[in-house]
Structure formats: C-alpha cells, structure tokens
Amino acid sequence: MRAENCVELAMEFLKKKFDESEYFADKKSEKDYRFEHSVRVANIGKIIAEKEGMDSDAMVIACLLHDISYINEFESREEARNHGRYSAKIARPFLEEIGMEPKVIEDICYGIAIHVDDEADFPGERTAFALSVGDADNIDRFDAYRIFENLKWVKYDEMSLPEKNEHVNKVIERLESYKNLDFATKTGKEMWLEKLDYQIGFYKKLLAQIENSELR
C-alpha cells in the first residue's frame, strides 16, 4: 500500500473513531478542538519531517493519532497522563490492519506513547522521529488559539486590573523560561521559539494596555 493511502486511511480512521465516540456525543466543542488540534499537529509534524529528512507520511500518521484516546473519558489525572500510551494501543491494530511495515509501526506507536511524559509501556528508541511527535504537539499548544483558550480558562475578563497585571507578568515570565526547553530537531526548536515569541509579544502588548488603563 502506498504511504499516501495510509495517511488518507489514518484520517478516515480518526474521523470514524471521533464520530463513534460516546464521550464526544454531547461535547461538540471539545470534539472539534481535539480533531482540529490533531490535524494542526500533523501539519507541524510534516514540516519538521520534511526539513529533517524523516518519513513525513509516517510522521503525519503519528501526529494524527497521537490523541485518539480522547474518544474515551478519563476519570482521573493519572488516566489523562496515560493518554499517549492509550492512544498507541488504539493506533497499533489499525496500523497493522492497513499493512504498514512493522518497523514503521513501532516508530509511530513509540512516538505516540511517549509524547506526554517521555514514557512508554513497551520498549522503543527515543529517536528524533519519536520525540518530534511530542515536539509538534507542544508547538501547536503554544499557537494563537491557546492564548484565547488560556485567557478564557483563567477568567481574565473577570479579573481586577491589578490581578490582570499580575497574571500577565507571570505568563510572560513563564513563556520566557520555556525558551530553554530541548527539542529533537533544529526545525522543531526554531518553530517553538517562533511560537513563544509570538505569545510573548502578544502578552507584552496586553500588559502595556493594562498599564495604560490607569491615569498617570
């Protein structure tokens, strides 16, 4: 089977599992976010793979399926922390069914399994390919939409002006510290720094607006 057909089948499999999920049945916004996130991560992973000479189709498949276990409800933080390992268990029989090479299946499943906390429940090699699944995931989680999501989560609109000031300063400090994180590839690191600089720039502008909201 041609690799591009495997990518198409992975997309169809992801859609099917999401559509059949009882957990997502009455959670349209969560379902849409998780699906769109998976596609964005796949697009980011493809860029990394192509620039770094990796198997880009395998990377796209790994990224598409990295969060597929969200079709089920996690009843504890521990279960949520295991979602990469759960996703690998869902992905493996599908990848075997469509006839992917065993070595490629292992690479994909290991990358999926370790993308949360760098731990898998089966042996594997921490290659640049495997690590880049988590890198692509992190890069997307610091893009434009996450700014909106985070401000909504902390109920920024309900904060007093001093609370807004404190919160935004802490966010800027935290984002600056993330610049030191290691990435598996030069491409991934460059994309990461670009996203961080974008968010830092936004929050600095927001901070300036907060500070300008008091008469001097």
Protein backbone atom coordinates (compact mmCIF):
# COMPACT_ATOMS: atom_id res chain seq x y z
CA MET A 1 0.00 0.00 0.00
CA ARG A 2 1.30 3.46 -0.91
CA ALA A 3 2.20 5.68 2.05
CA GLU A 4 -0.12 8.46 0.93
CA ASN A 5 -3.03 6.00 1.04
CA CYS A 6 -2.07 5.18 4.61
CA VAL A 7 -2.33 8.87 5.50
CA GLU A 8 -5.80 9.03 3.97
CA LEU A 9 -6.85 5.91 5.86
CA ALA A 10 -5.48 7.35 9.12
CA MET A 11 -7.55 10.49 8.63
CA GLU A 12 -10.64 8.40 7.93
CA PHE A 13 -9.93 6.24 10.99
CA LEU A 14 -9.56 9.32 13.20
CA LYS A 15 -12.84 10.80 11.93
CA LYS A 16 -14.65 7.49 12.37
CA LYS A 17 -13.44 6.98 15.94
CA PHE A 18 -14.38 10.55 16.87
CA ASP A 19 -17.83 10.22 15.27
CA GLU A 20 -18.47 6.91 17.05
CA SER A 21 -17.27 8.15 20.45
CA GLU A 22 -19.96 8.11 23.11
CA TYR A 23 -17.89 10.54 25.16
CA PHE A 24 -17.85 13.12 22.35
CA ALA A 25 -21.55 12.63 21.54
CA ASP A 26 -22.68 15.66 23.55
CA LYS A 27 -19.36 17.55 23.56
CA LYS A 28 -19.15 19.10 20.10
CA SER A 29 -16.76 21.91 21.00
CA GLU A 30 -14.34 19.52 22.74
CA LYS A 31 -14.57 17.07 19.85
CA ASP A 32 -13.94 19.81 17.28
CA TYR A 33 -10.99 21.19 19.23
CA ARG A 34 -9.33 17.79 19.66
CA PHE A 35 -9.79 16.90 15.99
CA GLU A 36 -8.56 20.27 14.74
CA HIS A 37 -5.60 20.09 17.15
CA SER A 38 -4.66 16.66 15.79
CA VAL A 39 -4.70 17.95 12.22
CA ARG A 40 -2.63 21.01 13.13
CA VAL A 41 -0.08 18.81 14.92
CA ALA A 42 0.09 16.62 11.80
CA ASN A 43 0.79 19.66 9.62
CA ILE A 44 3.51 20.82 12.02
CA GLY A 45 4.99 17.32 12.16
CA LYS A 46 5.06 17.17 8.36
CA ILE A 47 7.12 20.37 8.19
CA ILE A 48 9.59 19.03 10.76
CA ALA A 49 9.87 15.67 8.99
CA GLU A 50 10.35 17.15 5.54
CA LYS A 51 13.02 19.60 6.68
CA GLU A 52 14.83 16.99 8.76
CA GLY A 53 14.76 14.17 6.21
CA MET A 54 12.33 11.93 8.11
CA ASP A 55 9.45 9.81 6.81
CA SER A 56 6.88 12.59 6.52
CA ASP A 57 3.89 10.29 5.88
CA ALA A 58 4.69 8.24 8.98
CA MET A 59 5.04 11.47 10.96
CA VAL A 60 1.67 12.74 9.75
CA ILE A 61 0.03 9.47 10.77
CA ALA A 62 1.69 9.52 14.21
CA CYS A 63 0.55 13.09 14.80
CA LEU A 64 -2.99 12.48 13.56
CA LEU A 65 -3.39 9.59 16.00
CA HIS A 66 -1.39 10.95 18.96
CA ASP A 67 -4.51 11.98 20.92
CA ILE A 68 -7.01 9.42 19.62
CA SER A 69 -7.59 8.03 23.11
CA TYR A 70 -9.55 11.20 23.89
CA ILE A 71 -12.52 9.34 22.40
CA ASN A 72 -12.82 7.87 25.90
CA GLU A 73 -13.44 9.70 29.15
CA PHE A 74 -10.51 10.00 31.54
CA GLU A 75 -11.74 9.56 35.09
CA SER A 76 -8.56 10.72 36.81
CA ARG A 77 -5.48 12.83 36.21
CA GLU A 78 -3.48 9.60 36.09
CA GLU A 79 -5.61 8.31 33.21
CA ALA A 80 -5.20 11.62 31.38
CA ARG A 81 -1.44 11.43 31.86
CA ASN A 82 -1.53 7.98 30.23
CA HIS A 83 -3.37 9.17 27.12
CA GLY A 84 -0.30 8.80 24.89
CA ARG A 85 0.09 5.16 25.87
CA TYR A 86 -3.65 4.56 25.44
CA SER A 87 -3.51 6.21 22.00
CA ALA A 88 -0.67 3.91 20.93
CA LYS A 89 -2.78 0.88 21.91
CA ILE A 90 -5.64 2.14 19.71
CA ALA A 91 -3.33 3.03 16.82
CA ARG A 92 -1.34 -0.22 16.66
CA PRO A 93 -4.06 -2.66 15.45
CA PHE A 94 -5.21 -0.11 12.88
CA LEU A 95 -1.67 0.33 11.52
CA GLU A 96 -1.23 -3.45 11.35
CA GLU A 97 -4.57 -3.83 9.57
CA ILE A 98 -3.63 -1.38 6.80
CA GLY A 99 -0.36 -3.22 6.24
CA MET A 100 2.28 -0.74 7.35
CA GLU A 101 5.80 -2.10 7.83
CA PRO A 102 6.46 -3.41 11.36
CA LYS A 103 9.43 -1.06 11.91
CA VAL A 104 7.36 1.97 10.88
CA ILE A 105 4.53 0.85 13.16
CA GLU A 106 6.95 0.61 16.07
CA ASP A 107 8.33 4.08 15.36
CA ILE A 108 4.85 5.59 15.12
CA CYS A 109 3.49 3.88 18.23
CA TYR A 110 6.55 4.70 20.31
CA GLY A 111 6.36 8.37 19.33
CA ILE A 112 2.67 8.44 20.25
CA ALA A 113 3.23 6.63 23.54
CA ILE A 114 5.97 8.96 24.82
CA HIS A 115 4.55 12.28 23.64
CA VAL A 116 3.06 13.20 27.02
CA ASP A 117 5.70 12.37 29.61
CA ASP A 118 8.52 10.69 27.67
CA GLU A 119 7.50 7.24 28.95
CA ALA A 120 6.19 4.19 27.11
CA ASP A 121 4.91 0.84 28.36
CA PHE A 122 6.85 -1.08 25.72
CA PRO A 123 10.48 -0.98 24.53
CA GLY A 124 11.48 1.57 21.92
CA GLU A 125 14.11 4.01 20.79
CA ARG A 126 13.94 7.72 21.58
CA THR A 127 14.79 8.76 18.04
CA ALA A 128 14.39 12.27 16.66
CA PHE A 129 11.30 10.92 14.87
CA ALA A 130 9.69 9.63 18.06
CA LEU A 131 10.49 12.79 20.02
CA SER A 132 9.22 15.04 17.25
CA VAL A 133 5.64 13.82 17.77
CA GLY A 134 5.66 15.48 21.20
CA ASP A 135 7.54 18.47 19.80
CA ALA A 136 4.84 19.06 17.18
CA ASP A 137 2.17 18.70 19.87
CA ASN A 138 3.88 21.30 22.08
CA ILE A 139 4.36 23.71 19.20
CA ASP A 140 0.64 23.70 18.45
CA ARG A 141 -0.26 24.14 22.11
CA PHE A 142 1.52 27.50 22.09
CA ASP A 143 -0.09 28.96 18.99
CA ALA A 144 -2.66 31.75 18.66
CA TYR A 145 -5.73 29.78 19.73
CA ARG A 146 -4.17 28.78 23.02
CA ILE A 147 -3.90 32.46 24.01
CA PHE A 148 -7.67 32.76 23.75
CA GLU A 149 -8.20 29.44 25.49
CA ASN A 150 -5.92 30.30 28.40
CA LEU A 151 -7.43 33.73 28.95
CA LYS A 152 -10.87 32.14 28.93
CA TRP A 153 -9.74 29.42 31.35
CA VAL A 154 -8.42 31.87 33.96
CA LYS A 155 -11.49 34.11 33.50
CA TYR A 156 -9.32 37.05 32.57
CA ASP A 157 -12.37 39.20 31.83
CA GLU A 158 -13.50 38.89 35.47
CA MET A 159 -10.16 39.95 36.98
CA SER A 160 -9.45 43.32 38.54
CA LEU A 161 -6.81 45.48 36.89
CA PRO A 162 -4.12 44.54 39.48
CA GLU A 163 -5.00 40.85 39.04
CA LYS A 164 -4.68 41.17 35.27
CA ASN A 165 -1.31 42.85 35.68
CA GLU A 166 -0.03 40.11 37.97
CA HIS A 167 -1.35 37.31 35.78
CA VAL A 168 0.12 38.65 32.54
CA ASN A 169 3.52 39.30 34.12
CA LYS A 170 3.61 35.70 35.36
CA VAL A 171 2.67 34.39 31.92
CA ILE A 172 5.45 36.39 30.26
CA GLU A 173 7.97 35.11 32.82
CA ARG A 174 6.83 31.52 32.27
CA LEU A 175 6.97 31.81 28.48
CA GLU A 176 10.49 33.23 28.64
CA SER A 177 11.60 30.24 30.72
CA TYR A 178 10.25 27.83 28.10
CA LYS A 179 12.84 29.06 25.60
CA ASN A 180 15.37 26.77 27.29
CA LEU A 181 13.45 23.56 26.59
CA ASP A 182 15.19 20.97 24.43
CA PHE A 183 13.78 19.86 21.09
CA ALA A 184 14.73 16.85 19.00
CA THR A 185 15.49 18.84 15.86
CA LYS A 186 16.70 22.27 14.80
CA THR A 187 13.48 22.77 12.84
CA GLY A 188 11.31 21.96 15.85
CA LYS A 189 13.28 24.34 18.07
CA GLU A 190 13.00 27.16 15.54
CA MET A 191 9.25 26.67 15.23
CA TRP A 192 8.94 26.54 19.04
CA LEU A 193 10.83 29.81 19.54
CA GLU A 194 8.72 31.46 16.86
CA LYS A 195 5.52 30.49 18.69
CA LEU A 196 6.91 31.63 22.05
CA ASP A 197 7.99 34.99 20.63
CA TYR A 198 4.51 35.43 19.17
CA GLN A 199 2.84 34.75 22.50
CA ILE A 200 5.33 36.87 24.45
CA GLY A 201 4.76 39.72 22.03
CA PHE A 202 1.00 39.47 22.49
CA TYR A 203 1.19 39.41 26.27
CA LYS A 204 3.60 42.35 26.35
CA LYS A 205 1.15 44.37 24.29
CA LEU A 206 -1.64 43.28 26.62
CA LEU A 207 0.47 44.32 29.61
CA ALA A 208 1.10 47.74 28.05
CA GLN A 209 -2.65 48.15 27.58
CA ILE A 210 -3.28 47.19 31.21
CA GLU A 211 -0.70 49.68 32.43
CA ASN A 212 -2.24 52.35 30.19
CA SER A 213 -5.62 51.77 31.78
CA GLU A 214 -4.63 53.81 34.84
CA LEU A 215 -4.18 57.59 34.78
CA ARG A 216 -0.57 58.60 35.26
